[in-house]
Amino acid sequence: MKMILRFILFVMSVALLSGCWDTKDIQDIQYISAMGIDYQNGQYVIYVQVTSFAGVAKQEGLEPKPTPVWVAEGRGKTMIEAMNDIYKKSNQYIYWAHVKLIIFS
């Protein structure tokens, strides 16, 4: 009986300790805030405005520095290929949930 109780406690403790193994820190994520979609010469061209909080996450002072913003461009025969081209150019995880502006031309 003691052995079974110890085994159950061991399994429960292992299950509770495995919590946040896939958590991504803010400095490891690039946030897309604006997106422009264009069609030129038979290809889709997607421009995205990327905000990275890598400098803010490592800061300890009270005055925040401005976050760096850059524009990425992806090209492809379909919109998915153009978005995948942006993924190839990025070196960090891209988060699309903060898109506030989409421009079609």
PDB file of N, CA and C in Angstrom:
ATOM      1  N   MET A   1       0.824  -1.193   0.000  1.00  0.00           N
ATOM      2  CA  MET A   1       0.000   0.000   0.000  1.00  0.00           C
ATOM      3  C   MET A   1       0.868   1.256   0.000  1.00  0.00           C
ATOM      4  N   LYS A   2       1.960   1.252   0.790  1.00  0.00           N
ATOM      5  CA  LYS A   2       2.852   2.402   0.830  1.00  0.00           C
ATOM      6  C   LYS A   2       3.507   2.620  -0.526  1.00  0.00           C
ATOM      7  N   MET A   3       3.838   1.551  -1.191  1.00  0.00           N
ATOM      8  CA  MET A   3       4.492   1.650  -2.493  1.00  0.00           C
ATOM      9  C   MET A   3       3.555   2.286  -3.521  1.00  0.00           C
ATOM     10  N   ILE A   4       2.290   1.911  -3.497  1.00  0.00           N
ATOM     11  CA  ILE A   4       1.309   2.472  -4.431  1.00  0.00           C
ATOM     12  C   ILE A   4       1.104   3.959  -4.148  1.00  0.00           C
ATOM     13  N   LEU A   5       1.024   4.331  -2.881  1.00  0.00           N
ATOM     14  CA  LEU A   5       0.857   5.728  -2.497  1.00  0.00           C
ATOM     15  C   LEU A   5       2.066   6.558  -2.936  1.00  0.00           C
ATOM     16  N   ARG A   6       3.255   6.033  -2.761  1.00  0.00           N
ATOM     17  CA  ARG A   6       4.465   6.736  -3.205  1.00  0.00           C
ATOM     18  C   ARG A   6       4.478   6.894  -4.726  1.00  0.00           C
ATOM     19  N   PHE A   7       4.067   5.856  -5.422  1.00  0.00           N
ATOM     20  CA  PHE A   7       4.029   5.915  -6.882  1.00  0.00           C
ATOM     21  C   PHE A   7       3.027   6.977  -7.352  1.00  0.00           C
ATOM     22  N   ILE A   8       1.861   7.023  -6.740  1.00  0.00           N
ATOM     23  CA  ILE A   8       0.849   8.022  -7.106  1.00  0.00           C
ATOM     24  C   ILE A   8       1.365   9.432  -6.822  1.00  0.00           C
ATOM     25  N   LEU A   9       1.997   9.651  -5.681  1.00  0.00           N
ATOM     26  CA  LEU A   9       2.567  10.960  -5.359  1.00  0.00           C
ATOM     27  C   LEU A   9       3.676  11.338  -6.341  1.00  0.00           C
ATOM     28  N   PHE A  10       4.484  10.370  -6.731  1.00  0.00           N
ATOM     29  CA  PHE A  10       5.551  10.636  -7.703  1.00  0.00           C
ATOM     30  C   PHE A  10       4.972  11.040  -9.057  1.00  0.00           C
ATOM     31  N   VAL A  11       3.972  10.323  -9.529  1.00  0.00           N
ATOM     32  CA  VAL A  11       3.354  10.630 -10.824  1.00  0.00           C
ATOM     33  C   VAL A  11       2.678  11.998 -10.781  1.00  0.00           C
ATOM     34  N   MET A  12       2.000  12.317  -9.694  1.00  0.00           N
ATOM     35  CA  MET A  12       1.345  13.619  -9.572  1.00  0.00           C
ATOM     36  C   MET A  12       2.357  14.751  -9.543  1.00  0.00           C
ATOM     37  N   SER A  13       3.468  14.560  -8.839  1.00  0.00           N
ATOM     38  CA  SER A  13       4.479  15.620  -8.775  1.00  0.00           C
ATOM     39  C   SER A  13       5.154  15.823 -10.130  1.00  0.00           C
ATOM     40  N   VAL A  14       5.401  14.770 -10.874  1.00  0.00           N
ATOM     41  CA  VAL A  14       5.992  14.893 -12.208  1.00  0.00           C
ATOM     42  C   VAL A  14       5.015  15.594 -13.153  1.00  0.00           C
ATOM     43  N   ALA A  15       3.732  15.282 -13.040  1.00  0.00           N
ATOM     44  CA  ALA A  15       2.724  15.910 -13.897  1.00  0.00           C
ATOM     45  C   ALA A  15       2.599  17.397 -13.590  1.00  0.00           C
ATOM     46  N   LEU A  16       2.710  17.792 -12.348  1.00  0.00           N
ATOM     47  CA  LEU A  16       2.584  19.200 -11.972  1.00  0.00           C
ATOM     48  C   LEU A  16       3.838  20.010 -12.301  1.00  0.00           C
ATOM     49  N   LEU A  17       4.981  19.376 -12.380  1.00  0.00           N
ATOM     50  CA  LEU A  17       6.219  20.104 -12.656  1.00  0.00           C
ATOM     51  C   LEU A  17       6.455  20.359 -14.142  1.00  0.00           C
ATOM     52  N   SER A  18       5.670  19.779 -15.011  1.00  0.00           N
ATOM     53  CA  SER A  18       5.905  19.914 -16.445  1.00  0.00           C
ATOM     54  C   SER A  18       5.163  21.083 -17.061  1.00  0.00           C
ATOM     55  N   GLY A  19       4.849  22.111 -16.315  1.00  0.00           N
ATOM     56  CA  GLY A  19       3.995  23.225 -16.692  1.00  0.00           C
ATOM     57  C   GLY A  19       4.310  24.015 -17.932  1.00  0.00           C
ATOM     58  N   CYS A  20       5.349  24.815 -17.976  1.00  0.00           N
ATOM     59  CA  CYS A  20       5.533  25.826 -19.018  1.00  0.00           C
ATOM     60  C   CYS A  20       6.714  25.525 -19.920  1.00  0.00           C
ATOM     61  N   TRP A  21       6.762  24.381 -20.511  1.00  0.00           N
ATOM     62  CA  TRP A  21       7.907  23.995 -21.319  1.00  0.00           C
ATOM     63  C   TRP A  21       7.919  24.677 -22.677  1.00  0.00           C
ATOM     64  N   ASP A  22       6.777  25.182 -23.174  1.00  0.00           N
ATOM     65  CA  ASP A  22       6.751  25.823 -24.487  1.00  0.00           C
ATOM     66  C   ASP A  22       6.521  27.331 -24.404  1.00  0.00           C
ATOM     67  N   THR A  23       6.794  27.943 -23.288  1.00  0.00           N
ATOM     68  CA  THR A  23       6.617  29.375 -23.111  1.00  0.00           C
ATOM     69  C   THR A  23       7.662  30.137 -23.904  1.00  0.00           C
ATOM     70  N   LYS A  24       7.212  31.215 -24.560  1.00  0.00           N
ATOM     71  CA  LYS A  24       8.126  32.072 -25.308  1.00  0.00           C
ATOM     72  C   LYS A  24       8.213  33.414 -24.604  1.00  0.00           C
ATOM     73  N   ASP A  25       9.423  33.899 -24.396  1.00  0.00           N
ATOM     74  CA  ASP A  25       9.620  35.189 -23.751  1.00  0.00           C
ATOM     75  C   ASP A  25       9.347  36.317 -24.736  1.00  0.00           C
ATOM     76  N   ILE A  26       9.049  37.502 -24.210  1.00  0.00           N
ATOM     77  CA  ILE A  26       8.694  38.635 -25.053  1.00  0.00           C
ATOM     78  C   ILE A  26       9.847  39.059 -25.962  1.00  0.00           C
ATOM     79  N   GLN A  27      11.067  38.880 -25.527  1.00  0.00           N
ATOM     80  CA  GLN A  27      12.203  39.281 -26.362  1.00  0.00           C
ATOM     81  C   GLN A  27      12.471  38.302 -27.493  1.00  0.00           C
ATOM     82  N   ASP A  28      11.811  37.155 -27.501  1.00  0.00           N
ATOM     83  CA  ASP A  28      11.992  36.156 -28.556  1.00  0.00           C
ATOM     84  C   ASP A  28      10.875  36.172 -29.593  1.00  0.00           C
ATOM     85  N   ILE A  29       9.966  37.151 -29.509  1.00  0.00           N
ATOM     86  CA  ILE A  29       8.809  37.209 -30.395  1.00  0.00           C
ATOM     87  C   ILE A  29       8.828  38.516 -31.175  1.00  0.00           C
ATOM     88  N   GLN A  30       8.489  38.455 -32.455  1.00  0.00           N
ATOM     89  CA  GLN A  30       8.330  39.650 -33.277  1.00  0.00           C
ATOM     90  C   GLN A  30       6.845  39.807 -33.584  1.00  0.00           C
ATOM     91  N   TYR A  31       6.298  40.970 -33.270  1.00  0.00           N
ATOM     92  CA  TYR A  31       4.879  41.229 -33.414  1.00  0.00           C
ATOM     93  C   TYR A  31       4.607  41.977 -34.715  1.00  0.00           C
ATOM     94  N   ILE A  32       3.691  41.459 -35.519  1.00  0.00           N
ATOM     95  CA  ILE A  32       3.271  42.129 -36.743  1.00  0.00           C
ATOM     96  C   ILE A  32       2.153  43.093 -36.363  1.00  0.00           C
ATOM     97  N   SER A  33       2.329  44.396 -36.666  1.00  0.00           N
ATOM     98  CA  SER A  33       1.317  45.373 -36.307  1.00  0.00           C
ATOM     99  C   SER A  33       0.582  45.938 -37.522  1.00  0.00           C
ATOM    100  N   ALA A  34       1.176  45.894 -38.701  1.00  0.00           N
ATOM    101  CA  ALA A  34       0.514  46.379 -39.912  1.00  0.00           C
ATOM    102  C   ALA A  34       0.940  45.502 -41.079  1.00  0.00           C
ATOM    103  N   MET A  35       0.059  45.436 -42.084  1.00  0.00           N
ATOM    104  CA  MET A  35       0.318  44.543 -43.210  1.00  0.00           C
ATOM    105  C   MET A  35      -0.214  45.186 -44.484  1.00  0.00           C
ATOM    106  N   GLY A  36       0.585  45.162 -45.530  1.00  0.00           N
ATOM    107  CA  GLY A  36       0.167  45.668 -46.822  1.00  0.00           C
ATOM    108  C   GLY A  36       0.255  44.555 -47.854  1.00  0.00           C
ATOM    109  N   ILE A  37      -0.792  44.399 -48.652  1.00  0.00           N
ATOM    110  CA  ILE A  37      -0.835  43.332 -49.652  1.00  0.00           C
ATOM    111  C   ILE A  37      -0.945  43.971 -51.028  1.00  0.00           C
ATOM    112  N   ASP A  38      -0.043  43.590 -51.922  1.00  0.00           N
ATOM    113  CA  ASP A  38       0.004  44.161 -53.263  1.00  0.00           C
ATOM    114  C   ASP A  38       0.124  43.024 -54.270  1.00  0.00           C
ATOM    115  N   TYR A  39      -0.298  43.270 -55.502  1.00  0.00           N
ATOM    116  CA  TYR A  39      -0.178  42.276 -56.565  1.00  0.00           C
ATOM    117  C   TYR A  39       0.584  42.923 -57.713  1.00  0.00           C
ATOM    118  N   GLN A  40       1.818  42.467 -57.967  1.00  0.00           N
ATOM    119  CA  GLN A  40       2.674  43.053 -59.000  1.00  0.00           C
ATOM    120  C   GLN A  40       3.265  41.945 -59.858  1.00  0.00           C
ATOM    121  N   ASN A  41       3.158  42.101 -61.163  1.00  0.00           N
ATOM    122  CA  ASN A  41       3.792  41.193 -62.117  1.00  0.00           C
ATOM    123  C   ASN A  41       3.453  39.718 -61.861  1.00  0.00           C
ATOM    124  N   GLY A  42       2.216  39.435 -61.518  1.00  0.00           N
ATOM    125  CA  GLY A  42       1.795  38.055 -61.305  1.00  0.00           C
ATOM    126  C   GLY A  42       2.218  37.460 -59.971  1.00  0.00           C
ATOM    127  N   GLN A  43       2.707  38.284 -59.056  1.00  0.00           N
ATOM    128  CA  GLN A  43       3.115  37.811 -57.732  1.00  0.00           C
ATOM    129  C   GLN A  43       2.461  38.670 -56.655  1.00  0.00           C
ATOM    130  N   TYR A  44       2.181  38.017 -55.541  1.00  0.00           N
ATOM    131  CA  TYR A  44       1.720  38.761 -54.378  1.00  0.00           C
ATOM    132  C   TYR A  44       2.940  39.278 -53.630  1.00  0.00           C
ATOM    133  N   VAL A  45       2.859  40.521 -53.202  1.00  0.00           N
ATOM    134  CA  VAL A  45       3.916  41.132 -52.399  1.00  0.00           C
ATOM    135  C   VAL A  45       3.272  41.556 -51.082  1.00  0.00           C
ATOM    136  N   ILE A  46       3.791  41.058 -49.994  1.00  0.00           N
ATOM    137  CA  ILE A  46       3.263  41.386 -48.670  1.00  0.00           C
ATOM    138  C   ILE A  46       4.329  42.145 -47.901  1.00  0.00           C
ATOM    139  N   TYR A  47       3.942  43.322 -47.409  1.00  0.00           N
ATOM    140  CA  TYR A  47       4.805  44.128 -46.554  1.00  0.00           C
ATOM    141  C   TYR A  47       4.242  44.070 -45.146  1.00  0.00           C
ATOM    142  N   VAL A  48       5.079  43.836 -44.171  1.00  0.00           N
ATOM    143  CA  VAL A  48       4.628  43.809 -42.779  1.00  0.00           C
ATOM    144  C   VAL A  48       5.508  44.726 -41.935  1.00  0.00           C
ATOM    145  N   GLN A  49       4.866  45.404 -41.004  1.00  0.00           N
ATOM    146  CA  GLN A  49       5.596  46.219 -40.032  1.00  0.00           C
ATOM    147  C   GLN A  49       5.784  45.373 -38.783  1.00  0.00           C
ATOM    148  N   VAL A  50       7.031  45.155 -38.428  1.00  0.00           N
ATOM    149  CA  VAL A  50       7.375  44.250 -37.332  1.00  0.00           C
ATOM    150  C   VAL A  50       7.894  45.062 -36.151  1.00  0.00           C
ATOM    151  N   THR A  51       7.353  44.786 -34.972  1.00  0.00           N
ATOM    152  CA  THR A  51       7.817  45.409 -33.740  1.00  0.00           C
ATOM    153  C   THR A  51       8.472  44.339 -32.885  1.00  0.00           C
ATOM    154  N   SER A  52       9.665  44.642 -32.391  1.00  0.00           N
ATOM    155  CA  SER A  52      10.378  43.701 -31.537  1.00  0.00           C
ATOM    156  C   SER A  52      10.603  44.352 -30.175  1.00  0.00           C
ATOM    157  N   PHE A  53      10.261  43.655 -29.123  1.00  0.00           N
ATOM    158  CA  PHE A  53      10.433  44.169 -27.771  1.00  0.00           C
ATOM    159  C   PHE A  53      11.681  43.607 -27.099  1.00  0.00           C
ATOM    160  N   ALA A  54      12.671  43.239 -27.859  1.00  0.00           N
ATOM    161  CA  ALA A  54      13.890  42.647 -27.298  1.00  0.00           C
ATOM    162  C   ALA A  54      14.618  43.630 -26.389  1.00  0.00           C
ATOM    163  N   GLY A  55      14.671  44.890 -26.743  1.00  0.00           N
ATOM    164  CA  GLY A  55      15.358  45.877 -25.908  1.00  0.00           C
ATOM    165  C   GLY A  55      14.591  46.231 -24.658  1.00  0.00           C
ATOM    166  N   VAL A  56      13.267  46.219 -24.723  1.00  0.00           N
ATOM    167  CA  VAL A  56      12.436  46.570 -23.570  1.00  0.00           C
ATOM    168  C   VAL A  56      12.483  45.484 -22.517  1.00  0.00           C
ATOM    169  N   ALA A  57      12.520  44.242 -22.919  1.00  0.00           N
ATOM    170  CA  ALA A  57      12.476  43.126 -21.974  1.00  0.00           C
ATOM    171  C   ALA A  57      13.742  43.051 -21.128  1.00  0.00           C
ATOM    172  N   LYS A  58      14.860  43.549 -21.639  1.00  0.00           N
ATOM    173  CA  LYS A  58      16.116  43.469 -20.907  1.00  0.00           C
ATOM    174  C   LYS A  58      16.424  44.744 -20.122  1.00  0.00           C
ATOM    175  N   GLN A  59      15.525  45.705 -20.154  1.00  0.00           N
ATOM    176  CA  GLN A  59      15.753  47.004 -19.545  1.00  0.00           C
ATOM    177  C   GLN A  59      15.362  46.996 -18.069  1.00  0.00           C
ATOM    178  N   GLU A  60      16.134  47.716 -17.242  1.00  0.00           N
ATOM    179  CA  GLU A  60      15.829  47.771 -15.820  1.00  0.00           C
ATOM    180  C   GLU A  60      15.435  49.164 -15.349  1.00  0.00           C
ATOM    181  N   GLY A  61      15.668  50.188 -16.151  1.00  0.00           N
ATOM    182  CA  GLY A  61      15.361  51.557 -15.750  1.00  0.00           C
ATOM    183  C   GLY A  61      13.885  51.886 -15.883  1.00  0.00           C
ATOM    184  N   LEU A  62      13.515  53.093 -15.437  1.00  0.00           N
ATOM    185  CA  LEU A  62      12.127  53.514 -15.505  1.00  0.00           C
ATOM    186  C   LEU A  62      11.753  54.083 -16.867  1.00  0.00           C
ATOM    187  N   GLU A  63      12.709  54.713 -17.566  1.00  0.00           N
ATOM    188  CA  GLU A  63      12.412  55.301 -18.863  1.00  0.00           C
ATOM    189  C   GLU A  63      12.562  54.261 -19.966  1.00  0.00           C
ATOM    190  N   PRO A  64      11.471  53.924 -20.633  1.00  0.00           N
ATOM    191  CA  PRO A  64      11.580  52.932 -21.710  1.00  0.00           C
ATOM    192  C   PRO A  64      12.195  53.543 -22.969  1.00  0.00           C
ATOM    193  N   LYS A  65      13.021  52.792 -23.636  1.00  0.00           N
ATOM    194  CA  LYS A  65      13.576  53.205 -24.916  1.00  0.00           C
ATOM    195  C   LYS A  65      12.561  52.877 -26.002  1.00  0.00           C
ATOM    196  N   PRO A  66      12.566  53.611 -27.111  1.00  0.00           N
ATOM    197  CA  PRO A  66      11.630  53.277 -28.190  1.00  0.00           C
ATOM    198  C   PRO A  66      11.930  51.894 -28.763  1.00  0.00           C
ATOM    199  N   THR A  67      10.882  51.158 -29.047  1.00  0.00           N
ATOM    200  CA  THR A  67      11.058  49.805 -29.583  1.00  0.00           C
ATOM    201  C   THR A  67      11.421  49.875 -31.061  1.00  0.00           C
ATOM    202  N   PRO A  68      12.350  49.047 -31.504  1.00  0.00           N
ATOM    203  CA  PRO A  68      12.726  49.066 -32.923  1.00  0.00           C
ATOM    204  C   PRO A  68      11.595  48.515 -33.792  1.00  0.00           C
ATOM    205  N   VAL A  69      11.383  49.188 -34.916  1.00  0.00           N
ATOM    206  CA  VAL A  69      10.362  48.781 -35.876  1.00  0.00           C
ATOM    207  C   VAL A  69      11.051  48.619 -37.222  1.00  0.00           C
ATOM    208  N   TRP A  70      10.735  47.541 -37.918  1.00  0.00           N
ATOM    209  CA  TRP A  70      11.293  47.348 -39.249  1.00  0.00           C
ATOM    210  C   TRP A  70      10.224  46.787 -40.170  1.00  0.00           C
ATOM    211  N   VAL A  71      10.457  46.918 -41.464  1.00  0.00           N
ATOM    212  CA  VAL A  71       9.506  46.463 -42.469  1.00  0.00           C
ATOM    213  C   VAL A  71      10.105  45.278 -43.213  1.00  0.00           C
ATOM    214  N   ALA A  72       9.334  44.225 -43.320  1.00  0.00           N
ATOM    215  CA  ALA A  72       9.767  43.029 -44.048  1.00  0.00           C
ATOM    216  C   ALA A  72       8.914  42.890 -45.302  1.00  0.00           C
ATOM    217  N   GLU A  73       9.497  42.299 -46.321  1.00  0.00           N
ATOM    218  CA  GLU A  73       8.796  42.106 -47.586  1.00  0.00           C
ATOM    219  C   GLU A  73       8.874  40.639 -47.979  1.00  0.00           C
ATOM    220  N   GLY A  74       7.735  40.087 -48.369  1.00  0.00           N
ATOM    221  CA  GLY A  74       7.692  38.714 -48.841  1.00  0.00           C
ATOM    222  C   GLY A  74       7.024  38.638 -50.198  1.00  0.00           C
ATOM    223  N   ARG A  75       7.532  37.787 -51.077  1.00  0.00           N
ATOM    224  CA  ARG A  75       6.989  37.638 -52.427  1.00  0.00           C
ATOM    225  C   ARG A  75       6.669  36.177 -52.696  1.00  0.00           C
ATOM    226  N   GLY A  76       5.594  35.962 -53.478  1.00  0.00           N
ATOM    227  CA  GLY A  76       5.228  34.607 -53.860  1.00  0.00           C
ATOM    228  C   GLY A  76       4.068  34.589 -54.826  1.00  0.00           C
ATOM    229  N   LYS A  77       3.843  33.455 -55.472  1.00  0.00           N
ATOM    230  CA  LYS A  77       2.737  33.329 -56.416  1.00  0.00           C
ATOM    231  C   LYS A  77       1.389  33.354 -55.712  1.00  0.00           C
ATOM    232  N   THR A  78       1.356  32.923 -54.457  1.00  0.00           N
ATOM    233  CA  THR A  78       0.143  33.001 -53.648  1.00  0.00           C
ATOM    234  C   THR A  78       0.453  33.813 -52.394  1.00  0.00           C
ATOM    235  N   MET A  79      -0.601  34.190 -51.680  1.00  0.00           N
ATOM    236  CA  MET A  79      -0.386  34.958 -50.448  1.00  0.00           C
ATOM    237  C   MET A  79       0.326  34.109 -49.390  1.00  0.00           C
ATOM    238  N   ILE A  80       0.036  32.823 -49.364  1.00  0.00           N
ATOM    239  CA  ILE A  80       0.692  31.932 -48.404  1.00  0.00           C
ATOM    240  C   ILE A  80       2.189  31.846 -48.690  1.00  0.00           C
ATOM    241  N   GLU A  81       2.567  31.756 -49.962  1.00  0.00           N
ATOM    242  CA  GLU A  81       3.990  31.721 -50.305  1.00  0.00           C
ATOM    243  C   GLU A  81       4.681  33.026 -49.916  1.00  0.00           C
ATOM    244  N   ALA A  82       3.989  34.144 -50.081  1.00  0.00           N
ATOM    245  CA  ALA A  82       4.564  35.429 -49.689  1.00  0.00           C
ATOM    246  C   ALA A  82       4.745  35.502 -48.171  1.00  0.00           C
ATOM    247  N   MET A  83       3.785  34.990 -47.423  1.00  0.00           N
ATOM    248  CA  MET A  83       3.914  34.974 -45.958  1.00  0.00           C
ATOM    249  C   MET A  83       5.034  34.035 -45.528  1.00  0.00           C
ATOM    250  N   ASN A  84       5.159  32.896 -46.192  1.00  0.00           N
ATOM    251  CA  ASN A  84       6.249  31.971 -45.873  1.00  0.00           C
ATOM    252  C   ASN A  84       7.609  32.577 -46.193  1.00  0.00           C
ATOM    253  N   ASP A  85       7.670  33.441 -47.200  1.00  0.00           N
ATOM    254  CA  ASP A  85       8.910  34.149 -47.511  1.00  0.00           C
ATOM    255  C   ASP A  85       9.311  35.072 -46.363  1.00  0.00           C
ATOM    256  N   ILE A  86       8.332  35.666 -45.711  1.00  0.00           N
ATOM    257  CA  ILE A  86       8.615  36.505 -44.530  1.00  0.00           C
ATOM    258  C   ILE A  86       9.146  35.646 -43.393  1.00  0.00           C
ATOM    259  N   TYR A  87       8.576  34.450 -43.216  1.00  0.00           N
ATOM    260  CA  TYR A  87       9.071  33.541 -42.180  1.00  0.00           C
ATOM    261  C   TYR A  87      10.534  33.164 -42.430  1.00  0.00           C
ATOM    262  N   LYS A  88      10.892  32.961 -43.695  1.00  0.00           N
ATOM    263  CA  LYS A  88      12.271  32.590 -44.020  1.00  0.00           C
ATOM    264  C   LYS A  88      13.249  33.701 -43.675  1.00  0.00           C
ATOM    265  N   LYS A  89      12.808  34.956 -43.796  1.00  0.00           N
ATOM    266  CA  LYS A  89      13.691  36.093 -43.531  1.00  0.00           C
ATOM    267  C   LYS A  89      13.798  36.436 -42.051  1.00  0.00           C
ATOM    268  N   SER A  90      12.888  35.937 -41.246  1.00  0.00           N
ATOM    269  CA  SER A  90      12.885  36.242 -39.820  1.00  0.00           C
ATOM    270  C   SER A  90      13.728  35.222 -39.063  1.00  0.00           C
ATOM    271  N   ASN A  91      14.363  35.677 -38.007  1.00  0.00           N
ATOM    272  CA  ASN A  91      15.155  34.769 -37.189  1.00  0.00           C
ATOM    273  C   ASN A  91      14.489  34.471 -35.846  1.00  0.00           C
ATOM    274  N   GLN A  92      13.272  34.984 -35.644  1.00  0.00           N
ATOM    275  CA  GLN A  92      12.543  34.747 -34.407  1.00  0.00           C
ATOM    276  C   GLN A  92      11.107  34.343 -34.720  1.00  0.00           C
ATOM    277  N   TYR A  93      10.381  33.973 -33.680  1.00  0.00           N
ATOM    278  CA  TYR A  93       8.975  33.588 -33.809  1.00  0.00           C
ATOM    279  C   TYR A  93       8.157  34.820 -34.197  1.00  0.00           C
ATOM    280  N   ILE A  94       7.268  34.699 -35.168  1.00  0.00           N
ATOM    281  CA  ILE A  94       6.419  35.802 -35.617  1.00  0.00           C
ATOM    282  C   ILE A  94       5.013  35.589 -35.067  1.00  0.00           C
ATOM    283  N   TYR A  95       4.455  36.655 -34.495  1.00  0.00           N
ATOM    284  CA  TYR A  95       3.133  36.600 -33.878  1.00  0.00           C
ATOM    285  C   TYR A  95       2.196  37.517 -34.664  1.00  0.00           C
ATOM    286  N   TRP A  96       1.157  36.962 -35.267  1.00  0.00           N
ATOM    287  CA  TRP A  96       0.269  37.696 -36.167  1.00  0.00           C
ATOM    288  C   TRP A  96      -0.978  38.225 -35.480  1.00  0.00           C
ATOM    289  N   ALA A  97      -1.206  37.979 -34.213  1.00  0.00           N
ATOM    290  CA  ALA A  97      -2.474  38.329 -33.560  1.00  0.00           C
ATOM    291  C   ALA A  97      -2.630  39.818 -33.285  1.00  0.00           C
ATOM    292  N   HIS A  98      -1.569  40.610 -33.408  1.00  0.00           N
ATOM    293  CA  HIS A  98      -1.643  42.041 -33.122  1.00  0.00           C
ATOM    294  C   HIS A  98      -1.751  42.892 -34.392  1.00  0.00           C
ATOM    295  N   VAL A  99      -2.179  42.316 -35.506  1.00  0.00           N
ATOM    296  CA  VAL A  99      -2.337  43.080 -36.745  1.00  0.00           C
ATOM    297  C   VAL A  99      -3.531  44.011 -36.576  1.00  0.00           C
ATOM    298  N   LYS A 100      -3.263  45.325 -36.674  1.00  0.00           N
ATOM    299  CA  LYS A 100      -4.318  46.308 -36.514  1.00  0.00           C
ATOM    300  C   LYS A 100      -4.664  46.997 -37.830  1.00  0.00           C
ATOM    301  N   LEU A 101      -3.840  46.845 -38.838  1.00  0.00           N
ATOM    302  CA  LEU A 101      -4.035  47.550 -40.099  1.00  0.00           C
ATOM    303  C   LEU A 101      -3.671  46.630 -41.261  1.00  0.00           C
ATOM    304  N   ILE A 102      -4.578  46.511 -42.222  1.00  0.00           N
ATOM    305  CA  ILE A 102      -4.330  45.751 -43.434  1.00  0.00           C
ATOM    306  C   ILE A 102      -4.674  46.639 -44.616  1.00  0.00           C
ATOM    307  N   ILE A 103      -3.733  46.831 -45.525  1.00  0.00           N
ATOM    308  CA  ILE A 103      -3.941  47.671 -46.699  1.00  0.00           C
ATOM    309  C   ILE A 103      -3.836  46.798 -47.941  1.00  0.00           C
ATOM    310  N   PHE A 104      -4.844  46.843 -48.792  1.00  0.00           N
ATOM    311  CA  PHE A 104      -4.847  46.138 -50.070  1.00  0.00           C
ATOM    312  C   PHE A 104      -4.648  47.148 -51.196  1.00  0.00           C
ATOM    313  N   SER A 105      -3.830  46.784 -52.172  1.00  0.00           N
ATOM    314  CA  SER A 105      -3.694  47.665 -53.344  1.00  0.00           C
ATOM    315  C   SER A 105      -3.641  46.838 -54.606  1.00  0.00           C
TER     316      SER A 105
END
